[in-house]
Amino acid sequence: MIEKESIESLKNRLDIVDVIGNLIELKKAGANFKAPCPFHGENTPSFVVSPQKQIYKCFGCGVSGDAIKFVMEYEKLNYPEAIEKLASEFGITLRYTKNERQNSLHDKKILENLNLFFKKRLDYFKDAKEYLLKRGVYESSIEKFELGFAPSSYETLRFLEQNSVSLNEAKELGLVAFDENKRAYARFSNRITFPIFSPHGKLVGFGGRIITNRTDIGKYINSPQSKIFNKSTLLYGYHKAKSSIFKKGEVIVVEGNLDVIMLHQAGFTNAVATLGTALGELHLPILKRGEPKIIVAYDGDKAGKDAAFKASILLSSKSYMGGIVIFSNGLDPADMVKNSQIEELNRLFRKPKPFIEYALEYIVSKFDLSDPLQKEKALNEAILYLKKLTPILQEEYKEYLAVILNINKNSIRLKRETTQVETNRGFYKKEDIAELTIIKTILEKPSLLEFVLNIIDVKVLQSVQHELLALMNDDKENSALIGIKLRDDIGVYSEEELKKQLLFFLIKHYNKQLTIIKKSKNLSFEKKSFLMRKVKVILEKLKKGELVKYESISTI
């Protein structure tokens, strides 16, 4: 653990304007600095940084905190990660509790020494070096990504022994394993090595690729799960790509290490790769940093298309911006860079297939649409997928699904998810999962209550008005709120999902108001015309994605 005194020393030496100014553009505004809030979309800057108080606050969405909290929220880091990142960037030395610090430094030294050993061996093994050069990898890229070569198991074991690394230590770090006869062997042997780093540039493991055509062993391997390595939470090349990702607001996710290297070589320095595993939930905390557009670019074989579909489901259900690129003609990004198809790559990355469109097309492609029964199955499966999306997206993509199925849009029925619960008076009421999710989101992120109340009125939500009032009254012992908090079937919205949901409810509310106005017999022609124009202007703004603050429309 990092010593408390060391953390306090770091806080005292940090200047919040320097910290935040390194990540977003700040402009002087009197005694403070201002910027558009990086945590919610806005045109007028409401994000204020106070150098005097060393805090920030957004008067739009309510977020606030100090320099460390900003780095945690902006780059999606935990507390120790943010502390270590800031200390590294500002040249401040941290102190750790003795044993943990010593063990960490020892592990780091073992991995770095082995990486240096592999790098030096690459120059001795001409076949390995020749393989890389034939694939189009430049010497500069070999150096940038610290590529190496793992020689025979015997040579690696001997190197570890000469550096006083015990077999148990090497095993804990994923460098050594034991066969059925309990004989040790190096996990990486006769392979080109790709050192793998954490998002902050700490060496945590290796990837390895054979250079022969052997089929009895895997072409690629990665370090096994260990105390410092979890491939499901890492992205190859991220430590090199992150500054470009933040700058461009876009990340390209590909399948292989060589794809990343070649894309960087061609100028696509925002490329990363998963480590022999499909894109999953555990990758999202890294991908969310800076809220970039995500382009998933996979091979055109069945495995690549299947993986792209799974990524589409995951990312679209969480309302991520971006899309899918599928490479054709048996090529991958590395091949295209080698073949100087840079402009073609630019074109593909500029116009990816949106996640939802790709997912719907993939689902429909599995069925023979000339058979009515097959078409019905395609429709049902597509509807199941659409129900994972927000109500607005469901409505938006009904027409797209109707087109690719060649059916009438009105035949696609997407009922909002509701259930019936028994009240303490013995009768049943309908509950709206979307509305309950808003309540649980506020329970999990109390700072969002003010934001929600600035946009909607209690009347806009139909089934959770009492719960929202309890939140407004800070009634933490309210049994309904406690029940919602404990329910596993109710999720939590991201801020972007919450905004889209509020848009949906407001559009529904004002459409209902418009109907009431049209049917009203108590209004004069002039008053009715005025109110109808007013509501239509509000609806037009909402349908364009602009969150308009709730306004009561009186028909009296």
Protein backbone atom coordinates (compact mmCIF):
# COMPACT_ATOMS: atom_id res chain seq x y z
CA MET A 1 0.00 0.00 0.00
CA ILE A 2 1.03 3.62 -0.55
CA GLU A 3 1.82 5.38 2.73
CA LYS A 4 -0.74 8.03 3.77
CA GLU A 5 1.97 10.61 4.36
CA SER A 6 3.20 10.02 0.82
CA ILE A 7 -0.30 10.63 -0.59
CA GLU A 8 -0.66 13.85 1.43
CA SER A 9 2.73 15.01 0.16
CA LEU A 10 1.56 14.37 -3.43
CA LYS A 11 -1.67 16.32 -2.86
CA ASN A 12 0.25 19.28 -1.47
CA ARG A 13 2.50 19.45 -4.51
CA LEU A 14 -0.18 19.06 -7.19
CA ASP A 15 -1.77 22.04 -8.92
CA ILE A 16 -5.28 21.16 -10.09
CA VAL A 17 -5.01 23.53 -13.08
CA ASP A 18 -1.88 21.71 -14.30
CA VAL A 19 -3.46 18.29 -13.77
CA ILE A 20 -6.77 19.01 -15.52
CA GLY A 21 -5.13 21.29 -18.10
CA ASN A 22 -3.02 18.34 -19.28
CA LEU A 23 -6.21 16.44 -20.14
CA ILE A 24 -8.69 19.07 -21.36
CA GLU A 25 -8.38 22.64 -22.61
CA LEU A 26 -9.01 25.23 -19.87
CA LYS A 27 -9.65 28.94 -20.42
CA LYS A 28 -9.11 31.69 -17.85
CA ALA A 29 -12.33 33.18 -16.47
CA GLY A 30 -11.60 35.74 -13.77
CA ALA A 31 -9.97 34.02 -10.80
CA ASN A 32 -10.98 30.59 -12.11
CA PHE A 33 -10.72 28.49 -15.27
CA LYS A 34 -13.62 27.16 -17.36
CA ALA A 35 -14.24 24.50 -19.99
CA PRO A 36 -17.09 22.47 -21.50
CA CYS A 37 -17.70 19.66 -19.04
CA PRO A 38 -15.91 16.44 -20.09
CA PHE A 39 -18.51 14.34 -18.25
CA HIS A 40 -21.64 15.47 -20.09
CA GLY A 41 -22.31 17.06 -23.46
CA GLU A 42 -22.80 20.82 -23.46
CA ASN A 43 -22.20 23.86 -25.65
CA THR A 44 -21.87 26.53 -22.94
CA PRO A 45 -18.96 25.88 -20.53
CA SER A 46 -20.22 25.16 -17.02
CA PHE A 47 -17.17 23.24 -15.75
CA VAL A 48 -15.18 25.46 -13.36
CA VAL A 49 -11.71 24.85 -11.88
CA SER A 50 -10.66 26.88 -8.85
CA PRO A 51 -6.87 27.21 -8.38
CA GLN A 52 -7.48 28.88 -5.03
CA LYS A 53 -9.63 26.09 -3.59
CA GLN A 54 -7.94 23.33 -5.67
CA ILE A 55 -11.31 21.85 -6.66
CA TYR A 56 -13.48 21.56 -9.77
CA LYS A 57 -17.24 21.63 -10.17
CA CYS A 58 -19.65 21.37 -13.08
CA PHE A 59 -22.74 23.50 -12.58
CA GLY A 60 -24.47 21.51 -15.30
CA CYS A 61 -24.24 17.89 -14.14
CA GLY A 62 -22.98 18.47 -10.59
CA VAL A 63 -19.69 16.54 -10.65
CA SER A 64 -16.99 17.91 -8.35
CA GLY A 65 -13.80 16.97 -6.58
CA ASP A 66 -10.04 17.46 -6.41
CA ALA A 67 -7.23 16.68 -8.88
CA ILE A 68 -7.06 13.01 -7.93
CA LYS A 69 -10.80 12.49 -8.28
CA PHE A 70 -10.76 14.17 -11.70
CA VAL A 71 -8.08 11.78 -12.97
CA MET A 72 -10.02 8.82 -11.53
CA GLU A 73 -13.25 9.85 -13.26
CA TYR A 74 -11.76 11.06 -16.54
CA GLU A 75 -9.44 8.11 -17.13
CA LYS A 76 -11.60 5.55 -15.26
CA LEU A 77 -8.86 4.64 -12.77
CA ASN A 78 -9.09 3.42 -9.21
CA TYR A 79 -7.58 5.48 -6.40
CA PRO A 80 -4.10 3.85 -6.24
CA GLU A 81 -3.81 3.94 -10.07
CA ALA A 82 -4.62 7.65 -10.14
CA ILE A 83 -2.10 8.35 -7.36
CA GLU A 84 0.66 6.43 -9.17
CA LYS A 85 -0.14 8.05 -12.52
CA LEU A 86 0.04 11.58 -11.09
CA ALA A 87 3.22 10.83 -9.14
CA SER A 88 4.86 9.50 -12.31
CA GLU A 89 3.76 12.42 -14.48
CA PHE A 90 4.88 15.09 -12.03
CA GLY A 91 8.10 13.40 -10.94
CA ILE A 92 7.01 12.78 -7.35
CA THR A 93 8.35 9.73 -5.49
CA LEU A 94 5.82 7.67 -3.55
CA ARG A 95 6.61 5.60 -0.48
CA TYR A 96 5.05 2.17 0.00
CA THR A 97 4.75 -0.15 2.94
CA LYS A 98 8.04 -2.03 3.00
CA ASN A 99 7.17 -5.61 1.99
CA GLU A 100 4.72 -4.75 -0.77
CA ARG A 101 7.05 -2.21 -2.34
CA GLN A 102 10.01 -4.58 -2.24
CA ASN A 103 8.00 -7.42 -3.80
CA SER A 104 6.65 -5.14 -6.52
CA LEU A 105 10.10 -3.85 -7.42
CA HIS A 106 11.50 -7.39 -7.42
CA ASP A 107 8.78 -8.65 -9.81
CA LYS A 108 9.29 -5.62 -12.04
CA LYS A 109 13.04 -6.23 -12.23
CA ILE A 110 12.58 -9.92 -13.15
CA LEU A 111 10.22 -9.11 -16.04
CA GLU A 112 12.28 -6.19 -17.32
CA ASN A 113 15.51 -8.22 -17.27
CA LEU A 114 13.83 -11.08 -19.13
CA ASN A 115 12.39 -8.66 -21.69
CA LEU A 116 15.88 -7.24 -22.26
CA PHE A 117 17.21 -10.79 -22.67
CA PHE A 118 14.53 -11.55 -25.30
CA LYS A 119 15.23 -8.30 -27.18
CA LYS A 120 18.92 -9.09 -27.42
CA ARG A 121 18.23 -12.65 -28.61
CA LEU A 122 16.20 -11.35 -31.58
CA ASP A 123 19.40 -10.10 -33.24
CA TYR A 124 20.98 -13.55 -32.89
CA PHE A 125 18.07 -15.44 -34.46
CA LYS A 126 18.04 -14.27 -38.05
CA ASP A 127 14.98 -16.35 -39.02
CA ALA A 128 12.88 -14.52 -36.42
CA LYS A 129 14.14 -11.10 -37.48
CA GLU A 130 13.65 -11.99 -41.13
CA TYR A 131 10.07 -13.09 -40.42
CA LEU A 132 9.22 -9.68 -38.97
CA LEU A 133 10.89 -7.78 -41.80
CA LYS A 134 9.06 -9.91 -44.41
CA ARG A 135 5.75 -9.10 -42.68
CA GLY A 136 6.61 -5.43 -43.27
CA VAL A 137 7.59 -4.53 -39.70
CA TYR A 138 10.14 -1.70 -39.62
CA GLU A 139 13.17 -1.66 -37.35
CA SER A 140 11.68 1.40 -35.67
CA SER A 141 8.51 -0.57 -34.84
CA ILE A 142 10.54 -3.46 -33.47
CA GLU A 143 12.21 -0.97 -31.16
CA LYS A 144 9.00 0.92 -30.30
CA PHE A 145 7.11 -2.22 -29.27
CA GLU A 146 10.24 -3.89 -27.78
CA LEU A 147 9.87 -7.08 -29.79
CA GLY A 148 12.20 -9.95 -28.94
CA PHE A 149 12.77 -13.67 -29.34
CA ALA A 150 12.45 -16.39 -26.68
CA PRO A 151 15.15 -19.02 -27.37
CA SER A 152 14.99 -22.63 -26.19
CA SER A 153 13.46 -23.44 -22.82
CA TYR A 154 16.89 -24.45 -21.54
CA GLU A 155 18.43 -21.06 -22.36
CA THR A 156 15.63 -19.13 -20.69
CA LEU A 157 15.73 -21.30 -17.55
CA ARG A 158 19.47 -20.83 -17.42
CA PHE A 159 19.10 -17.05 -17.72
CA LEU A 160 16.59 -16.99 -14.84
CA GLU A 161 18.91 -19.10 -12.70
CA GLN A 162 21.88 -16.82 -13.43
CA ASN A 163 19.75 -13.87 -12.31
CA SER A 164 18.83 -15.58 -9.03
CA VAL A 165 15.18 -16.06 -9.97
CA SER A 166 13.74 -19.14 -8.27
CA LEU A 167 11.42 -21.46 -10.19
CA ASN A 168 8.58 -20.64 -7.80
CA GLU A 169 9.02 -16.91 -8.41
CA ALA A 170 9.11 -17.50 -12.17
CA LYS A 171 5.98 -19.66 -11.94
CA GLU A 172 4.08 -16.95 -10.00
CA LEU A 173 4.90 -14.49 -12.78
CA GLY A 174 3.74 -16.91 -15.51
CA LEU A 175 7.23 -17.44 -16.93
CA VAL A 176 7.70 -21.10 -16.02
CA ALA A 177 5.43 -24.16 -15.79
CA PHE A 178 5.94 -27.81 -14.78
CA ASP A 179 5.16 -30.94 -16.79
CA GLU A 180 3.55 -34.13 -15.48
CA ASN A 181 6.96 -35.28 -14.23
CA LYS A 182 7.36 -32.01 -12.30
CA ARG A 183 10.11 -30.82 -14.61
CA ALA A 184 10.27 -27.08 -15.18
CA TYR A 185 10.07 -25.57 -18.65
CA ALA A 186 9.89 -22.00 -19.95
CA ARG A 187 6.43 -21.07 -21.20
CA PHE A 188 7.93 -19.01 -24.00
CA SER A 189 10.43 -20.81 -26.22
CA ASN A 190 11.29 -20.45 -29.93
CA ARG A 191 8.79 -17.64 -30.34
CA ILE A 192 8.85 -13.97 -31.21
CA THR A 193 7.95 -12.13 -28.00
CA PHE A 194 5.56 -9.19 -27.57
CA PRO A 195 5.90 -7.62 -24.12
CA ILE A 196 2.49 -6.70 -22.69
CA PHE A 197 2.08 -3.61 -20.56
CA SER A 198 -0.61 -2.25 -18.24
CA PRO A 199 -2.40 0.94 -19.36
CA HIS A 200 0.21 2.90 -17.39
CA GLY A 201 3.20 1.26 -19.03
CA LYS A 202 4.07 -1.38 -16.43
CA LEU A 203 5.37 -4.66 -17.91
CA VAL A 204 3.03 -7.45 -16.76
CA GLY A 205 3.53 -10.33 -19.20
CA PHE A 206 4.32 -11.52 -22.71
CA GLY A 207 2.72 -12.73 -25.91
CA GLY A 208 4.56 -15.17 -28.17
CA ARG A 209 4.26 -16.22 -31.83
CA ILE A 210 5.88 -19.17 -33.59
CA ILE A 211 7.61 -18.49 -36.91
CA THR A 212 7.23 -22.00 -38.35
CA ASN A 213 4.19 -23.76 -39.81
CA ARG A 214 3.82 -26.25 -36.96
CA THR A 215 0.22 -27.24 -36.30
CA ASP A 216 0.75 -29.23 -33.10
CA ILE A 217 1.14 -26.09 -30.97
CA GLY A 218 -0.72 -22.81 -30.82
CA LYS A 219 0.40 -20.08 -33.21
CA TYR A 220 0.00 -17.45 -30.46
CA ILE A 221 0.21 -17.77 -26.69
CA ASN A 222 -0.01 -15.23 -23.87
CA SER A 223 1.14 -15.25 -20.27
CA PRO A 224 -1.24 -17.24 -18.05
CA GLN A 225 -3.40 -15.71 -15.36
CA SER A 226 -1.14 -14.60 -12.53
CA LYS A 227 -0.99 -12.12 -9.66
CA ILE A 228 -0.10 -9.37 -12.16
CA PHE A 229 -1.58 -10.60 -15.46
CA ASN A 230 -5.23 -10.91 -16.49
CA LYS A 231 -5.69 -10.91 -20.26
CA SER A 232 -9.39 -10.11 -19.94
CA THR A 233 -8.58 -6.68 -18.51
CA LEU A 234 -5.67 -5.77 -20.81
CA LEU A 235 -5.38 -4.40 -24.33
CA TYR A 236 -2.17 -4.86 -26.30
CA GLY A 237 -0.59 -1.55 -27.26
CA TYR A 238 -2.87 0.60 -25.10
CA HIS A 239 0.04 2.23 -23.25
CA LYS A 240 1.37 3.41 -26.62
CA ALA A 241 -2.04 4.33 -28.03
CA LYS A 242 -3.74 6.13 -25.14
CA SER A 243 -2.54 9.67 -25.87
CA SER A 244 -3.65 9.28 -29.50
CA ILE A 245 -7.00 7.81 -28.36
CA PHE A 246 -7.68 10.81 -26.11
CA LYS A 247 -6.60 13.24 -28.83
CA LYS A 248 -8.63 11.65 -31.66
CA GLY A 249 -11.58 10.62 -29.51
CA GLU A 250 -11.48 7.22 -31.20
CA VAL A 251 -9.99 3.77 -30.55
CA ILE A 252 -9.53 0.97 -33.10
CA VAL A 253 -9.77 -2.55 -31.62
CA VAL A 254 -8.22 -5.30 -33.77
CA GLU A 255 -7.48 -8.99 -33.30
CA GLY A 256 -3.71 -9.38 -33.37
CA ASN A 257 -0.52 -7.86 -31.98
CA LEU A 258 1.02 -7.54 -35.45
CA ASP A 259 -2.12 -5.73 -36.63
CA VAL A 260 -1.56 -3.15 -33.88
CA ILE A 261 2.12 -2.72 -34.72
CA MET A 262 1.51 -2.32 -38.45
CA LEU A 263 -1.39 0.10 -37.94
CA HIS A 264 0.75 2.28 -35.67
CA GLN A 265 3.47 2.12 -38.31
CA ALA A 266 0.97 3.45 -40.88
CA GLY A 267 -0.15 6.31 -38.64
CA PHE A 268 -3.17 4.68 -36.96
CA THR A 269 -1.62 5.20 -33.53
CA ASN A 270 -4.97 4.71 -31.75
CA ALA A 271 -5.04 0.95 -32.45
CA VAL A 272 -5.10 -1.73 -29.71
CA ALA A 273 -5.86 -5.47 -29.61
CA THR A 274 -7.50 -7.93 -27.27
CA LEU A 275 -5.19 -10.71 -26.09
CA GLY A 276 -6.48 -13.89 -27.71
CA THR A 277 -9.90 -13.39 -26.17
CA ALA A 278 -13.15 -11.79 -27.32
CA LEU A 279 -13.94 -8.22 -26.36
CA GLY A 280 -15.69 -8.50 -23.01
CA GLU A 281 -17.13 -6.58 -20.06
CA LEU A 282 -13.76 -6.40 -18.31
CA HIS A 283 -12.24 -4.49 -21.24
CA LEU A 284 -14.80 -1.70 -20.95
CA PRO A 285 -13.20 0.20 -18.04
CA ILE A 286 -10.11 0.74 -20.23
CA LEU A 287 -12.06 1.50 -23.42
CA LYS A 288 -14.28 4.02 -21.60
CA ARG A 289 -11.35 6.24 -20.65
CA GLY A 290 -11.89 9.54 -22.41
CA GLU A 291 -15.22 8.27 -23.82
CA PRO A 292 -13.86 7.55 -27.33
CA LYS A 293 -15.75 6.26 -30.34
CA ILE A 294 -14.98 2.51 -30.58
CA ILE A 295 -14.21 0.90 -33.94
CA VAL A 296 -14.05 -2.90 -33.80
CA ALA A 297 -12.09 -4.12 -36.83
CA TYR A 298 -12.01 -7.90 -37.29
CA ASP A 299 -11.10 -10.44 -39.97
CA GLY A 300 -13.76 -11.51 -42.47
CA ASP A 301 -13.71 -15.22 -41.54
CA LYS A 302 -16.52 -16.81 -39.53
CA ALA A 303 -14.67 -16.43 -36.24
CA GLY A 304 -14.10 -12.73 -36.91
CA LYS A 305 -17.72 -12.09 -37.87
CA ASP A 306 -18.99 -13.98 -34.83
CA ALA A 307 -16.67 -12.02 -32.53
CA ALA A 308 -17.79 -8.75 -34.15
CA PHE A 309 -21.43 -9.69 -33.49
CA LYS A 310 -20.72 -10.36 -29.81
CA ALA A 311 -18.87 -7.04 -29.55
CA SER A 312 -21.83 -5.28 -31.23
CA ILE A 313 -24.27 -6.74 -28.71
CA LEU A 314 -22.07 -5.74 -25.78
CA LEU A 315 -21.29 -2.21 -26.94
CA SER A 316 -24.72 -1.30 -28.34
CA SER A 317 -26.52 -2.49 -25.20
CA LYS A 318 -24.41 0.02 -23.27
CA SER A 319 -24.94 2.81 -25.84
CA TYR A 320 -21.32 3.11 -26.97
CA MET A 321 -20.65 5.14 -30.09
CA GLY A 322 -18.78 3.46 -32.95
CA GLY A 323 -19.15 0.52 -35.27
CA ILE A 324 -17.77 -2.55 -36.99
CA VAL A 325 -15.23 -2.96 -39.80
CA ILE A 326 -14.91 -6.39 -41.42
CA PHE A 327 -11.88 -7.03 -43.64
CA SER A 328 -12.53 -8.93 -46.86
CA ASN A 329 -10.55 -11.06 -49.32
CA GLY A 330 -8.70 -12.86 -46.54
CA LEU A 331 -6.74 -9.74 -45.61
CA ASP A 332 -6.12 -8.29 -42.16
CA PRO A 333 -4.88 -4.81 -41.16
CA ALA A 334 -1.24 -5.95 -41.14
CA ASP A 335 -1.55 -7.26 -44.72
CA MET A 336 -3.21 -4.05 -45.90
CA VAL A 337 -0.48 -1.87 -44.41
CA LYS A 338 2.19 -4.05 -46.00
CA ASN A 339 0.35 -3.75 -49.34
CA SER A 340 0.25 0.05 -48.96
CA GLN A 341 -3.58 0.07 -48.80
CA ILE A 342 -3.55 2.98 -46.36
CA GLU A 343 -6.26 5.00 -48.08
CA GLU A 344 -8.53 1.94 -48.12
CA LEU A 345 -7.96 1.53 -44.37
CA ASN A 346 -8.77 5.22 -43.88
CA ARG A 347 -12.01 4.75 -45.79
CA LEU A 348 -13.00 1.69 -43.75
CA PHE A 349 -12.26 3.34 -40.42
CA ARG A 350 -14.08 6.53 -41.41
CA LYS A 351 -17.34 4.70 -42.12
CA PRO A 352 -17.74 1.66 -39.86
CA LYS A 353 -21.06 -0.18 -39.81
CA PRO A 354 -22.94 1.03 -36.68
CA PHE A 355 -23.12 -1.64 -33.97
CA ILE A 356 -26.91 -1.96 -34.07
CA GLU A 357 -27.06 -2.24 -37.86
CA TYR A 358 -24.32 -4.87 -37.86
CA ALA A 359 -26.04 -6.90 -35.13
CA LEU A 360 -29.42 -6.84 -36.89
CA GLU A 361 -27.89 -7.79 -40.25
CA TYR A 362 -25.92 -10.61 -38.60
CA ILE A 363 -29.06 -12.00 -36.93
CA VAL A 364 -31.11 -11.83 -40.14
CA SER A 365 -28.31 -13.41 -42.21
CA LYS A 366 -28.67 -16.67 -40.27
CA PHE A 367 -32.14 -17.30 -41.70
CA ASP A 368 -33.61 -18.11 -45.10
CA LEU A 369 -35.95 -15.17 -45.62
CA SER A 370 -37.70 -16.86 -48.54
CA ASP A 371 -39.26 -19.20 -45.95
CA PRO A 372 -42.01 -17.38 -43.94
CA LEU A 373 -41.32 -19.48 -40.83
CA GLN A 374 -37.61 -18.66 -41.03
CA LYS A 375 -38.42 -14.98 -41.50
CA GLU A 376 -40.60 -15.06 -38.38
CA LYS A 377 -37.75 -16.62 -36.39
CA ALA A 378 -35.40 -13.92 -37.65
CA LEU A 379 -37.90 -11.27 -36.55
CA ASN A 380 -38.31 -12.77 -33.07
CA GLU A 381 -34.56 -13.05 -32.51
CA ALA A 382 -34.01 -9.48 -33.70
CA ILE A 383 -36.77 -8.22 -31.37
CA LEU A 384 -35.09 -9.97 -28.42
CA TYR A 385 -31.91 -8.08 -29.27
CA LEU A 386 -33.68 -4.72 -29.71
CA LYS A 387 -35.22 -5.09 -26.27
CA LYS A 388 -31.71 -4.83 -24.82
CA LEU A 389 -31.52 -1.26 -26.13
CA THR A 390 -33.02 1.95 -24.79
CA PRO A 391 -36.62 2.71 -25.87
CA ILE A 392 -35.48 5.50 -28.22
CA LEU A 393 -33.03 3.21 -30.01
CA GLN A 394 -35.68 0.49 -30.22
CA GLU A 395 -38.01 2.86 -32.03
CA GLU A 396 -35.26 4.26 -34.26
CA TYR A 397 -34.18 0.82 -35.50
CA LYS A 398 -37.63 -0.73 -36.00
CA GLU A 399 -37.71 0.72 -39.49
CA TYR A 400 -34.20 -0.53 -40.29
CA LEU A 401 -35.19 -4.05 -39.23
CA ALA A 402 -38.39 -3.82 -41.31
CA VAL A 403 -36.35 -2.89 -44.40
CA ILE A 404 -33.87 -5.77 -44.14
CA LEU A 405 -36.69 -8.22 -43.43
CA ASN A 406 -38.90 -6.64 -46.13
CA ILE A 407 -41.90 -6.40 -43.80
CA ASN A 408 -44.21 -3.64 -42.61
CA LYS A 409 -42.72 -1.58 -39.77
CA ASN A 410 -46.03 -1.73 -37.87
CA SER A 411 -45.72 -5.52 -37.55
CA ILE A 412 -42.72 -5.05 -35.24
CA ARG A 413 -44.12 -4.68 -31.76
CA LEU A 414 -41.74 -3.68 -28.98
CA LYS A 415 -43.55 -3.49 -25.68
CA ARG A 416 -41.79 -1.68 -22.90
CA GLU A 417 -40.63 -4.05 -20.21
CA THR A 418 -43.07 -4.05 -17.32
CA THR A 419 -43.89 -6.47 -14.57
CA GLN A 420 -46.66 -6.71 -12.00
CA VAL A 421 -45.95 -6.59 -8.28
CA GLU A 422 -48.33 -7.07 -5.38
CA THR A 423 -48.75 -4.03 -3.14
CA ASN A 424 -49.27 -4.20 0.61
CA ARG A 425 -52.97 -3.60 0.02
CA GLY A 426 -53.33 -6.83 -1.90
CA PHE A 427 -53.79 -5.51 -5.43
CA TYR A 428 -51.30 -5.42 -8.30
CA LYS A 429 -49.65 -2.48 -10.00
CA LYS A 430 -47.50 -2.35 -13.08
CA GLU A 431 -43.90 -1.35 -12.61
CA ASP A 432 -41.74 0.13 -15.34
CA ILE A 433 -38.23 -1.31 -15.41
CA ALA A 434 -36.85 1.75 -17.22
CA GLU A 435 -38.24 4.10 -14.56
CA LEU A 436 -36.98 1.84 -11.76
CA THR A 437 -33.56 1.86 -13.40
CA ILE A 438 -33.51 5.67 -13.21
CA ILE A 439 -34.24 5.48 -9.48
CA LYS A 440 -31.52 2.87 -8.91
CA THR A 441 -29.07 4.94 -10.96
CA ILE A 442 -29.68 7.92 -8.67
CA LEU A 443 -29.31 5.66 -5.61
CA GLU A 444 -25.94 4.49 -6.91
CA LYS A 445 -24.88 7.98 -8.09
CA PRO A 446 -26.62 10.54 -5.81
CA SER A 447 -24.99 13.46 -7.65
CA LEU A 448 -27.30 12.71 -10.62
CA LEU A 449 -30.48 13.58 -8.65
CA GLU A 450 -30.04 17.31 -9.22
CA PHE A 451 -29.36 16.69 -12.92
CA VAL A 452 -32.55 14.59 -13.29
CA LEU A 453 -34.69 17.11 -11.40
CA ASN A 454 -33.33 19.92 -13.58
CA ILE A 455 -34.68 18.08 -16.64
CA ILE A 456 -37.95 16.43 -15.62
CA ASP A 457 -40.80 16.87 -13.18
CA VAL A 458 -42.16 14.12 -10.94
CA LYS A 459 -45.24 13.99 -13.21
CA VAL A 460 -43.16 12.73 -16.15
CA LEU A 461 -42.49 9.38 -14.45
CA GLN A 462 -45.63 7.29 -14.06
CA SER A 463 -44.79 4.43 -11.70
CA VAL A 464 -42.03 5.78 -9.41
CA GLN A 465 -43.33 9.18 -8.32
CA HIS A 466 -43.31 8.24 -4.61
CA GLU A 467 -39.77 6.86 -4.91
CA LEU A 468 -38.54 10.03 -6.64
CA LEU A 469 -40.14 12.18 -3.92
CA ALA A 470 -38.40 10.02 -1.29
CA LEU A 471 -35.08 10.70 -3.03
CA MET A 472 -35.83 14.43 -3.08
CA ASN A 473 -36.54 14.30 0.68
CA ASP A 474 -33.33 12.31 1.28
CA ASP A 475 -35.43 9.56 2.90
CA LYS A 476 -32.69 6.92 3.08
CA GLU A 477 -34.84 4.60 5.21
CA ASN A 478 -37.65 4.47 2.64
CA SER A 479 -38.52 0.80 2.21
CA ALA A 480 -39.26 1.14 -1.52
CA LEU A 481 -35.84 2.67 -2.17
CA ILE A 482 -34.10 -0.01 -0.13
CA GLY A 483 -35.99 -2.65 -2.09
CA ILE A 484 -34.92 -1.15 -5.44
CA LYS A 485 -31.31 -0.95 -4.31
CA LEU A 486 -31.29 -4.64 -3.40
CA ARG A 487 -32.93 -5.94 -6.60
CA ASP A 488 -30.52 -7.67 -8.99
CA ASP A 489 -32.94 -7.49 -11.93
CA ILE A 490 -32.67 -3.69 -12.06
CA GLY A 491 -29.52 -2.30 -13.61
CA VAL A 492 -27.81 1.10 -13.51
CA TYR A 493 -27.64 3.51 -16.45
CA SER A 494 -24.47 5.21 -17.58
CA GLU A 495 -24.86 8.99 -17.78
CA GLU A 496 -25.27 8.75 -21.57
CA GLU A 497 -27.97 6.07 -21.22
CA LEU A 498 -29.71 8.16 -18.55
CA LYS A 499 -29.86 11.17 -20.89
CA LYS A 500 -31.36 9.05 -23.67
CA GLN A 501 -33.94 7.61 -21.27
CA LEU A 502 -34.94 11.08 -20.06
CA LEU A 503 -35.31 12.15 -23.70
CA PHE A 504 -37.65 9.19 -24.28
CA PHE A 505 -39.83 10.04 -21.27
CA LEU A 506 -40.01 13.73 -22.19
CA ILE A 507 -40.98 12.93 -25.79
CA LYS A 508 -43.69 10.59 -24.54
CA HIS A 509 -44.93 13.19 -22.02
CA TYR A 510 -45.17 16.03 -24.56
CA ASN A 511 -46.80 13.80 -27.20
CA LYS A 512 -49.44 13.04 -24.59
CA GLN A 513 -49.78 16.78 -23.84
CA LEU A 514 -50.20 17.48 -27.55
CA THR A 515 -53.06 14.97 -27.75
CA ILE A 516 -54.76 16.53 -24.69
CA ILE A 517 -54.47 20.00 -26.21
CA LYS A 518 -55.90 18.85 -29.55
CA LYS A 519 -58.89 17.19 -27.86
CA SER A 520 -59.53 19.98 -25.37
CA LYS A 521 -62.94 21.67 -25.73
CA ASN A 522 -62.22 24.33 -23.10
CA LEU A 523 -59.52 26.19 -25.05
CA SER A 524 -60.03 29.06 -27.45
CA PHE A 525 -58.72 28.62 -30.97
CA GLU A 526 -55.90 31.11 -30.31
CA LYS A 527 -54.84 29.43 -27.03
CA LYS A 528 -54.98 25.97 -28.57
CA SER A 529 -52.88 27.07 -31.57
CA PHE A 530 -50.34 28.76 -29.29
CA LEU A 531 -49.96 25.70 -27.03
CA MET A 532 -49.71 23.31 -29.98
CA ARG A 533 -46.93 25.41 -31.54
CA LYS A 534 -45.13 25.58 -28.20
CA VAL A 535 -45.24 21.82 -27.63
CA LYS A 536 -44.17 21.07 -31.21
CA VAL A 537 -41.11 23.30 -30.81
CA ILE A 538 -40.18 21.41 -27.62
CA LEU A 539 -40.70 18.03 -29.33
CA GLU A 540 -38.59 19.09 -32.30
CA LYS A 541 -35.68 19.93 -29.98
CA LEU A 542 -36.07 16.68 -28.04
CA LYS A 543 -36.13 14.57 -31.21
CA LYS A 544 -32.84 16.18 -32.23
CA GLY A 545 -31.32 14.89 -28.97
CA GLU A 546 -31.46 18.19 -27.04
CA LEU A 547 -32.44 17.78 -23.40
CA VAL A 548 -35.06 20.48 -22.83
CA LYS A 549 -35.97 21.28 -19.24
CA TYR A 550 -39.52 20.21 -18.30
CA GLU A 551 -42.14 22.89 -18.73
CA SER A 552 -45.68 22.59 -17.44
CA ILE A 553 -48.27 23.14 -20.19
CA SER A 554 -51.49 24.45 -18.72
CA THR A 555 -54.69 23.70 -20.63
CA ILE A 556 -56.84 25.72 -18.26
